[in-house]
Amino acid sequence: FNDDIQGTATVALAGIFASLRASGKKLTDHTFLF
């Protein structure tokens, strides 16, 4: 695996999942801008 592509993606998505609990929103409620 490539850590810069896939490891970074995993930790960022984990942060988003954790944020869902904090924000009370579902994943489908979000629009993402990079």
PDB file of all heavy atoms in Angstrom:
ATOM      1  N   PHE A   1       0.849  -1.193   0.000  1.00  0.00           N
ATOM      2  CA  PHE A   1       0.000   0.000   0.000  1.00  0.00           C
ATOM      3  C   PHE A   1       0.882   1.240   0.000  1.00  0.00           C
ATOM      4  O   PHE A   1       2.077   1.171   0.277  1.00  0.00           O
ATOM      5  CB  PHE A   1      -0.994  -0.003   1.173  1.00  0.00           C
ATOM      6  CG  PHE A   1      -0.406   0.241   2.540  1.00  0.00           C
ATOM      7  CD1 PHE A   1      -0.365   1.530   3.083  1.00  0.00           C
ATOM      8  CD2 PHE A   1       0.076  -0.806   3.315  1.00  0.00           C
ATOM      9  CE1 PHE A   1       0.156   1.760   4.345  1.00  0.00           C
ATOM     10  CE2 PHE A   1       0.599  -0.585   4.592  1.00  0.00           C
ATOM     11  CZ  PHE A   1       0.636   0.713   5.101  1.00  0.00           C
ATOM     12  N   ASN A   2       0.277   2.372  -0.365  1.00  0.00           N
ATOM     13  CA  ASN A   2       0.998   3.644  -0.366  1.00  0.00           C
ATOM     14  C   ASN A   2       0.478   4.485   0.776  1.00  0.00           C
ATOM     15  O   ASN A   2      -0.697   4.873   0.795  1.00  0.00           O
ATOM     16  CB  ASN A   2       0.813   4.364  -1.710  1.00  0.00           C
ATOM     17  CG  ASN A   2       1.592   5.673  -1.771  1.00  0.00           C
ATOM     18  OD1 ASN A   2       1.393   6.567  -0.949  1.00  0.00           O
ATOM     19  ND2 ASN A   2       2.478   5.805  -2.734  1.00  0.00           N
ATOM     20  N   ASP A   3       1.339   4.774   1.730  1.00  0.00           N
ATOM     21  CA  ASP A   3       0.895   5.471   2.939  1.00  0.00           C
ATOM     22  C   ASP A   3       0.437   6.901   2.655  1.00  0.00           C
ATOM     23  O   ASP A   3      -0.516   7.379   3.262  1.00  0.00           O
ATOM     24  CB  ASP A   3       2.021   5.476   3.975  1.00  0.00           C
ATOM     25  CG  ASP A   3       1.562   6.044   5.303  1.00  0.00           C
ATOM     26  OD1 ASP A   3       0.516   5.588   5.801  1.00  0.00           O
ATOM     27  OD2 ASP A   3       2.225   6.950   5.830  1.00  0.00           O
ATOM     28  N   ASP A   4       1.090   7.591   1.733  1.00  0.00           N
ATOM     29  CA  ASP A   4       0.741   8.985   1.451  1.00  0.00           C
ATOM     30  C   ASP A   4      -0.634   9.098   0.793  1.00  0.00           C
ATOM     31  O   ASP A   4      -1.335  10.084   0.999  1.00  0.00           O
ATOM     32  CB  ASP A   4       1.803   9.638   0.552  1.00  0.00           C
ATOM     33  CG  ASP A   4       3.178   9.582   1.197  1.00  0.00           C
ATOM     34  OD1 ASP A   4       3.340  10.184   2.266  1.00  0.00           O
ATOM     35  OD2 ASP A   4       4.068   8.914   0.652  1.00  0.00           O
ATOM     36  N   ILE A   5      -0.995   8.098   0.006  1.00  0.00           N
ATOM     37  CA  ILE A   5      -2.319   8.101  -0.634  1.00  0.00           C
ATOM     38  C   ILE A   5      -3.346   7.463   0.299  1.00  0.00           C
ATOM     39  O   ILE A   5      -4.349   8.069   0.650  1.00  0.00           O
ATOM     40  CB  ILE A   5      -2.288   7.334  -1.976  1.00  0.00           C
ATOM     41  CG1 ILE A   5      -1.314   8.002  -2.961  1.00  0.00           C
ATOM     42  CG2 ILE A   5      -3.687   7.271  -2.591  1.00  0.00           C
ATOM     43  CD1 ILE A   5      -1.059   7.188  -4.235  1.00  0.00           C
ATOM     44  N   GLN A   6      -3.072   6.220   0.722  1.00  0.00           N
ATOM     45  CA  GLN A   6      -4.089   5.431   1.415  1.00  0.00           C
ATOM     46  C   GLN A   6      -4.082   5.618   2.938  1.00  0.00           C
ATOM     47  O   GLN A   6      -5.137   5.635   3.561  1.00  0.00           O
ATOM     48  CB  GLN A   6      -3.912   3.957   1.040  1.00  0.00           C
ATOM     49  CG  GLN A   6      -4.171   3.714  -0.450  1.00  0.00           C
ATOM     50  CD  GLN A   6      -3.612   2.392  -0.926  1.00  0.00           C
ATOM     51  OE1 GLN A   6      -2.406   2.155  -0.840  1.00  0.00           O
ATOM     52  NE2 GLN A   6      -4.467   1.515  -1.432  1.00  0.00           N
ATOM     53  N   GLY A   7      -2.893   5.780   3.525  1.00  0.00           N
ATOM     54  CA  GLY A   7      -2.815   6.034   4.965  1.00  0.00           C
ATOM     55  C   GLY A   7      -3.402   7.393   5.315  1.00  0.00           C
ATOM     56  O   GLY A   7      -4.198   7.522   6.259  1.00  0.00           O
ATOM     57  N   THR A   8      -3.039   8.404   4.542  1.00  0.00           N
ATOM     58  CA  THR A   8      -3.580   9.754   4.754  1.00  0.00           C
ATOM     59  C   THR A   8      -5.095   9.741   4.586  1.00  0.00           C
ATOM     60  O   THR A   8      -5.832  10.356   5.366  1.00  0.00           O
ATOM     61  CB  THR A   8      -2.954  10.748   3.750  1.00  0.00           C
ATOM     62  OG1 THR A   8      -1.541  10.710   3.892  1.00  0.00           O
ATOM     63  CG2 THR A   8      -3.440  12.161   3.986  1.00  0.00           C
ATOM     64  N   ALA A   9      -5.559   9.035   3.555  1.00  0.00           N
ATOM     65  CA  ALA A   9      -7.006   8.949   3.309  1.00  0.00           C
ATOM     66  C   ALA A   9      -7.722   8.325   4.498  1.00  0.00           C
ATOM     67  O   ALA A   9      -8.785   8.799   4.927  1.00  0.00           O
ATOM     68  CB  ALA A   9      -7.256   8.113   2.050  1.00  0.00           C
ATOM     69  N   THR A  10      -7.135   7.283   5.055  1.00  0.00           N
ATOM     70  CA  THR A  10      -7.771   6.553   6.151  1.00  0.00           C
ATOM     71  C   THR A  10      -7.882   7.405   7.408  1.00  0.00           C
ATOM     72  O   THR A  10      -8.933   7.458   8.050  1.00  0.00           O
ATOM     73  CB  THR A  10      -6.991   5.255   6.458  1.00  0.00           C
ATOM     74  OG1 THR A  10      -6.769   4.554   5.239  1.00  0.00           O
ATOM     75  CG2 THR A  10      -7.745   4.364   7.417  1.00  0.00           C
ATOM     76  N   VAL A  11      -6.811   8.090   7.758  1.00  0.00           N
ATOM     77  CA  VAL A  11      -6.845   8.902   8.985  1.00  0.00           C
ATOM     78  C   VAL A  11      -7.785  10.097   8.803  1.00  0.00           C
ATOM     79  O   VAL A  11      -8.492  10.494   9.739  1.00  0.00           O
ATOM     80  CB  VAL A  11      -5.417   9.328   9.424  1.00  0.00           C
ATOM     81  CG1 VAL A  11      -4.890  10.512   8.636  1.00  0.00           C
ATOM     82  CG2 VAL A  11      -5.375   9.641  10.916  1.00  0.00           C
ATOM     83  N   ALA A  12      -7.835  10.668   7.599  1.00  0.00           N
ATOM     84  CA  ALA A  12      -8.747  11.790   7.342  1.00  0.00           C
ATOM     85  C   ALA A  12     -10.198  11.329   7.399  1.00  0.00           C
ATOM     86  O   ALA A  12     -11.055  12.016   7.989  1.00  0.00           O
ATOM     87  CB  ALA A  12      -8.440  12.416   5.986  1.00  0.00           C
ATOM     88  N   LEU A  13     -10.482  10.158   6.805  1.00  0.00           N
ATOM     89  CA  LEU A  13     -11.857   9.637   6.847  1.00  0.00           C
ATOM     90  C   LEU A  13     -12.260   9.290   8.280  1.00  0.00           C
ATOM     91  O   LEU A  13     -13.404   9.529   8.676  1.00  0.00           O
ATOM     92  CB  LEU A  13     -11.991   8.413   5.941  1.00  0.00           C
ATOM     93  CG  LEU A  13     -13.398   7.825   5.841  1.00  0.00           C
ATOM     94  CD1 LEU A  13     -14.396   8.833   5.282  1.00  0.00           C
ATOM     95  CD2 LEU A  13     -13.408   6.559   4.976  1.00  0.00           C
ATOM     96  N   ALA A  14     -11.326   8.760   9.060  1.00  0.00           N
ATOM     97  CA  ALA A  14     -11.610   8.493  10.480  1.00  0.00           C
ATOM     98  C   ALA A  14     -11.993   9.795  11.191  1.00  0.00           C
ATOM     99  O   ALA A  14     -12.924   9.823  12.009  1.00  0.00           O
ATOM    100  CB  ALA A  14     -10.395   7.855  11.147  1.00  0.00           C
ATOM    101  N   GLY A  15     -11.276  10.875  10.857  1.00  0.00           N
ATOM    102  CA  GLY A  15     -11.598  12.184  11.432  1.00  0.00           C
ATOM    103  C   GLY A  15     -12.988  12.646  11.040  1.00  0.00           C
ATOM    104  O   GLY A  15     -13.733  13.212  11.859  1.00  0.00           O
ATOM    105  N   ILE A  16     -13.357  12.387   9.796  1.00  0.00           N
ATOM    106  CA  ILE A  16     -14.703  12.763   9.323  1.00  0.00           C
ATOM    107  C   ILE A  16     -15.768  11.927  10.038  1.00  0.00           C
ATOM    108  O   ILE A  16     -16.786  12.454  10.496  1.00  0.00           O
ATOM    109  CB  ILE A  16     -14.800  12.617   7.792  1.00  0.00           C
ATOM    110  CG1 ILE A  16     -13.958  13.696   7.108  1.00  0.00           C
ATOM    111  CG2 ILE A  16     -16.252  12.702   7.323  1.00  0.00           C
ATOM    112  CD1 ILE A  16     -13.622  13.420   5.664  1.00  0.00           C
ATOM    113  N   PHE A  17     -15.523  10.611  10.171  1.00  0.00           N
ATOM    114  CA  PHE A  17     -16.471   9.747  10.902  1.00  0.00           C
ATOM    115  C   PHE A  17     -16.648  10.235  12.347  1.00  0.00           C
ATOM    116  O   PHE A  17     -17.764  10.281  12.860  1.00  0.00           O
ATOM    117  CB  PHE A  17     -15.980   8.290  10.914  1.00  0.00           C
ATOM    118  CG  PHE A  17     -16.154   7.561   9.608  1.00  0.00           C
ATOM    119  CD1 PHE A  17     -15.377   6.440   9.322  1.00  0.00           C
ATOM    120  CD2 PHE A  17     -17.087   7.968   8.666  1.00  0.00           C
ATOM    121  CE1 PHE A  17     -15.530   5.742   8.120  1.00  0.00           C
ATOM    122  CE2 PHE A  17     -17.248   7.282   7.457  1.00  0.00           C
ATOM    123  CZ  PHE A  17     -16.464   6.170   7.191  1.00  0.00           C
ATOM    124  N   ALA A  18     -15.531  10.579  12.984  1.00  0.00           N
ATOM    125  CA  ALA A  18     -15.603  11.085  14.367  1.00  0.00           C
ATOM    126  C   ALA A  18     -16.354  12.417  14.411  1.00  0.00           C
ATOM    127  O   ALA A  18     -17.101  12.695  15.355  1.00  0.00           O
ATOM    128  CB  ALA A  18     -14.197  11.236  14.941  1.00  0.00           C
ATOM    129  N   SER A  19     -16.164  13.234  13.366  1.00  0.00           N
ATOM    130  CA  SER A  19     -16.850  14.533  13.289  1.00  0.00           C
ATOM    131  C   SER A  19     -18.361  14.377  13.159  1.00  0.00           C
ATOM    132  O   SER A  19     -19.119  15.250  13.593  1.00  0.00           O
ATOM    133  CB  SER A  19     -16.337  15.332  12.089  1.00  0.00           C
ATOM    134  OG  SER A  19     -14.953  15.540  12.177  1.00  0.00           O
ATOM    135  N   LEU A  20     -18.798  13.279  12.547  1.00  0.00           N
ATOM    136  CA  LEU A  20     -20.243  13.054  12.390  1.00  0.00           C
ATOM    137  C   LEU A  20     -20.919  12.972  13.756  1.00  0.00           C
ATOM    138  O   LEU A  20     -22.005  13.523  13.959  1.00  0.00           O
ATOM    139  CB  LEU A  20     -20.507  11.760  11.602  1.00  0.00           C
ATOM    140  CG  LEU A  20     -19.994  11.701  10.164  1.00  0.00           C
ATOM    141  CD1 LEU A  20     -20.314  10.346   9.535  1.00  0.00           C
ATOM    142  CD2 LEU A  20     -20.556  12.821   9.309  1.00  0.00           C
ATOM    143  N   ARG A  21     -20.240  12.317  14.701  1.00  0.00           N
ATOM    144  CA  ARG A  21     -20.798  12.227  16.055  1.00  0.00           C
ATOM    145  C   ARG A  21     -20.852  13.606  16.706  1.00  0.00           C
ATOM    146  O   ARG A  21     -21.806  13.951  17.383  1.00  0.00           O
ATOM    147  CB  ARG A  21     -19.962  11.271  16.912  1.00  0.00           C
ATOM    148  CG  ARG A  21     -19.994   9.842  16.447  1.00  0.00           C
ATOM    149  CD  ARG A  21     -19.689   8.864  17.571  1.00  0.00           C
ATOM    150  NE  ARG A  21     -18.390   9.099  18.199  1.00  0.00           N
ATOM    151  CZ  ARG A  21     -17.248   8.571  17.769  1.00  0.00           C
ATOM    152  NH1 ARG A  21     -17.245   7.786  16.703  1.00  0.00           N
ATOM    153  NH2 ARG A  21     -16.122   8.809  18.403  1.00  0.00           N
ATOM    154  N   ALA A  22     -19.797  14.387  16.478  1.00  0.00           N
ATOM    155  CA  ALA A  22     -19.712  15.714  17.096  1.00  0.00           C
ATOM    156  C   ALA A  22     -20.707  16.701  16.471  1.00  0.00           C
ATOM    157  O   ALA A  22     -21.211  17.589  17.148  1.00  0.00           O
ATOM    158  CB  ALA A  22     -18.289  16.256  16.969  1.00  0.00           C
ATOM    159  N   SER A  23     -20.977  16.517  15.166  1.00  0.00           N
ATOM    160  CA  SER A  23     -21.842  17.482  14.472  1.00  0.00           C
ATOM    161  C   SER A  23     -23.297  17.033  14.405  1.00  0.00           C
ATOM    162  O   SER A  23     -24.184  17.831  14.093  1.00  0.00           O
ATOM    163  CB  SER A  23     -21.332  17.711  13.044  1.00  0.00           C
ATOM    164  OG  SER A  23     -21.489  16.541  12.256  1.00  0.00           O
ATOM    165  N   GLY A  24     -23.518  15.750  14.687  1.00  0.00           N
ATOM    166  CA  GLY A  24     -24.892  15.238  14.636  1.00  0.00           C
ATOM    167  C   GLY A  24     -25.427  15.097  13.220  1.00  0.00           C
ATOM    168  O   GLY A  24     -26.638  14.984  13.006  1.00  0.00           O
ATOM    169  N   LYS A  25     -24.529  15.094  12.222  1.00  0.00           N
ATOM    170  CA  LYS A  25     -24.952  14.973  10.825  1.00  0.00           C
ATOM    171  C   LYS A  25     -24.580  13.598  10.270  1.00  0.00           C
ATOM    172  O   LYS A  25     -23.733  12.906  10.809  1.00  0.00           O
ATOM    173  CB  LYS A  25     -24.263  16.054   9.976  1.00  0.00           C
ATOM    174  CG  LYS A  25     -24.815  17.447  10.187  1.00  0.00           C
ATOM    175  CD  LYS A  25     -24.240  18.394   9.141  1.00  0.00           C
ATOM    176  CE  LYS A  25     -25.012  19.702   9.108  1.00  0.00           C
ATOM    177  NZ  LYS A  25     -24.647  20.522   7.941  1.00  0.00           N
ATOM    178  N   LYS A  26     -25.234  13.259   9.158  1.00  0.00           N
ATOM    179  CA  LYS A  26     -24.891  12.023   8.446  1.00  0.00           C
ATOM    180  C   LYS A  26     -23.842  12.346   7.380  1.00  0.00           C
ATOM    181  O   LYS A  26     -23.696  13.501   6.973  1.00  0.00           O
ATOM    182  CB  LYS A  26     -26.133  11.420   7.778  1.00  0.00           C
ATOM    183  CG  LYS A  26     -27.265  11.074   8.717  1.00  0.00           C
ATOM    184  CD  LYS A  26     -28.244  10.092   8.075  1.00  0.00           C
ATOM    185  CE  LYS A  26     -28.886  10.609   6.806  1.00  0.00           C
ATOM    186  NZ  LYS A  26     -29.910  11.649   7.043  1.00  0.00           N
ATOM    187  N   LEU A  27     -23.173  11.312   6.893  1.00  0.00           N
ATOM    188  CA  LEU A  27     -22.153  11.511   5.862  1.00  0.00           C
ATOM    189  C   LEU A  27     -22.762  12.132   4.604  1.00  0.00           C
ATOM    190  O   LEU A  27     -22.154  12.974   3.948  1.00  0.00           O
ATOM    191  CB  LEU A  27     -21.482  10.170   5.536  1.00  0.00           C
ATOM    192  CG  LEU A  27     -20.182  10.212   4.734  1.00  0.00           C
ATOM    193  CD1 LEU A  27     -19.087  10.972   5.479  1.00  0.00           C
ATOM    194  CD2 LEU A  27     -19.697   8.799   4.425  1.00  0.00           C
ATOM    195  N   THR A  28     -24.004  11.743   4.307  1.00  0.00           N
ATOM    196  CA  THR A  28     -24.675  12.248   3.104  1.00  0.00           C
ATOM    197  C   THR A  28     -25.083  13.717   3.229  1.00  0.00           C
ATOM    198  O   THR A  28     -25.472  14.333   2.238  1.00  0.00           O
ATOM    199  CB  THR A  28     -25.929  11.409   2.779  1.00  0.00           C
ATOM    200  OG1 THR A  28     -26.664  11.218   3.987  1.00  0.00           O
ATOM    201  CG2 THR A  28     -25.558  10.065   2.193  1.00  0.00           C
ATOM    202  N   ASP A  29     -25.026  14.271   4.433  1.00  0.00           N
ATOM    203  CA  ASP A  29     -25.359  15.696   4.630  1.00  0.00           C
ATOM    204  C   ASP A  29     -24.196  16.609   4.252  1.00  0.00           C
ATOM    205  O   ASP A  29     -24.342  17.831   4.261  1.00  0.00           O
ATOM    206  CB  ASP A  29     -25.734  15.975   6.093  1.00  0.00           C
ATOM    207  CG  ASP A  29     -27.000  15.244   6.521  1.00  0.00           C
ATOM    208  OD1 ASP A  29     -27.852  15.020   5.642  1.00  0.00           O
ATOM    209  OD2 ASP A  29     -27.127  14.887   7.710  1.00  0.00           O
ATOM    210  N   HIS A  30     -23.039  16.014   3.957  1.00  0.00           N
ATOM    211  CA  HIS A  30     -21.829  16.821   3.781  1.00  0.00           C
ATOM    212  C   HIS A  30     -21.458  17.055   2.318  1.00  0.00           C
ATOM    213  O   HIS A  30     -21.706  16.224   1.450  1.00  0.00           O
ATOM    214  CB  HIS A  30     -20.646  16.160   4.497  1.00  0.00           C
ATOM    215  CG  HIS A  30     -20.699  16.303   5.982  1.00  0.00           C
ATOM    216  ND1 HIS A  30     -20.416  17.485   6.616  1.00  0.00           N
ATOM    217  CD2 HIS A  30     -21.040  15.421   6.953  1.00  0.00           C
ATOM    218  CE1 HIS A  30     -20.558  17.318   7.927  1.00  0.00           C
ATOM    219  NE2 HIS A  30     -20.940  16.080   8.145  1.00  0.00           N
ATOM    220  N   THR A  31     -20.852  18.219   2.093  1.00  0.00           N
ATOM    221  CA  THR A  31     -20.210  18.547   0.817  1.00  0.00           C
ATOM    222  C   THR A  31     -18.749  18.841   1.132  1.00  0.00           C
ATOM    223  O   THR A  31     -18.454  19.652   2.022  1.00  0.00           O
ATOM    224  CB  THR A  31     -20.867  19.784   0.165  1.00  0.00           C
ATOM    225  OG1 THR A  31     -22.247  19.492  -0.053  1.00  0.00           O
ATOM    226  CG2 THR A  31     -20.197  20.108  -1.156  1.00  0.00           C
ATOM    227  N   PHE A  32     -17.838  18.183   0.424  1.00  0.00           N
ATOM    228  CA  PHE A  32     -16.414  18.256   0.734  1.00  0.00           C
ATOM    229  C   PHE A  32     -15.675  19.105  -0.287  1.00  0.00           C
ATOM    230  O   PHE A  32     -15.848  18.926  -1.492  1.00  0.00           O
ATOM    231  CB  PHE A  32     -15.810  16.842   0.763  1.00  0.00           C
ATOM    232  CG  PHE A  32     -16.473  15.932   1.758  1.00  0.00           C
ATOM    233  CD1 PHE A  32     -17.556  15.142   1.382  1.00  0.00           C
ATOM    234  CD2 PHE A  32     -16.032  15.873   3.063  1.00  0.00           C
ATOM    235  CE1 PHE A  32     -18.189  14.314   2.305  1.00  0.00           C
ATOM    236  CE2 PHE A  32     -16.652  15.043   3.997  1.00  0.00           C
ATOM    237  CZ  PHE A  32     -17.735  14.268   3.618  1.00  0.00           C
ATOM    238  N   LEU A  33     -14.843  20.013   0.205  1.00  0.00           N
ATOM    239  CA  LEU A  33     -13.989  20.822  -0.669  1.00  0.00           C
ATOM    240  C   LEU A  33     -12.539  20.644  -0.236  1.00  0.00           C
ATOM    241  O   LEU A  33     -12.206  20.841   0.941  1.00  0.00           O
ATOM    242  CB  LEU A  33     -14.374  22.309  -0.600  1.00  0.00           C
ATOM    243  CG  LEU A  33     -13.446  23.280  -1.358  1.00  0.00           C
ATOM    244  CD1 LEU A  33     -13.405  22.964  -2.854  1.00  0.00           C
ATOM    245  CD2 LEU A  33     -13.881  24.727  -1.130  1.00  0.00           C
ATOM    246  N   PHE A  34     -11.701  20.280  -1.185  1.00  0.00           N
ATOM    247  CA  PHE A  34     -10.274  20.086  -0.914  1.00  0.00           C
ATOM    248  C   PHE A  34      -9.472  21.264  -1.436  1.00  0.00           C
ATOM    249  O   PHE A  34      -9.603  21.653  -2.592  1.00  0.00           O
ATOM    250  CB  PHE A  34      -9.764  18.803  -1.589  1.00  0.00           C
ATOM    251  CG  PHE A  34     -10.217  17.553  -0.903  1.00  0.00           C
ATOM    252  CD1 PHE A  34     -11.461  17.006  -1.182  1.00  0.00           C
ATOM    253  CD2 PHE A  34      -9.413  16.920   0.033  1.00  0.00           C
ATOM    254  CE1 PHE A  34     -11.895  15.854  -0.547  1.00  0.00           C
ATOM    255  CE2 PHE A  34      -9.830  15.770   0.672  1.00  0.00           C
ATOM    256  CZ  PHE A  34     -11.075  15.239   0.387  1.00  0.00           C
TER     257      PHE A  34
END
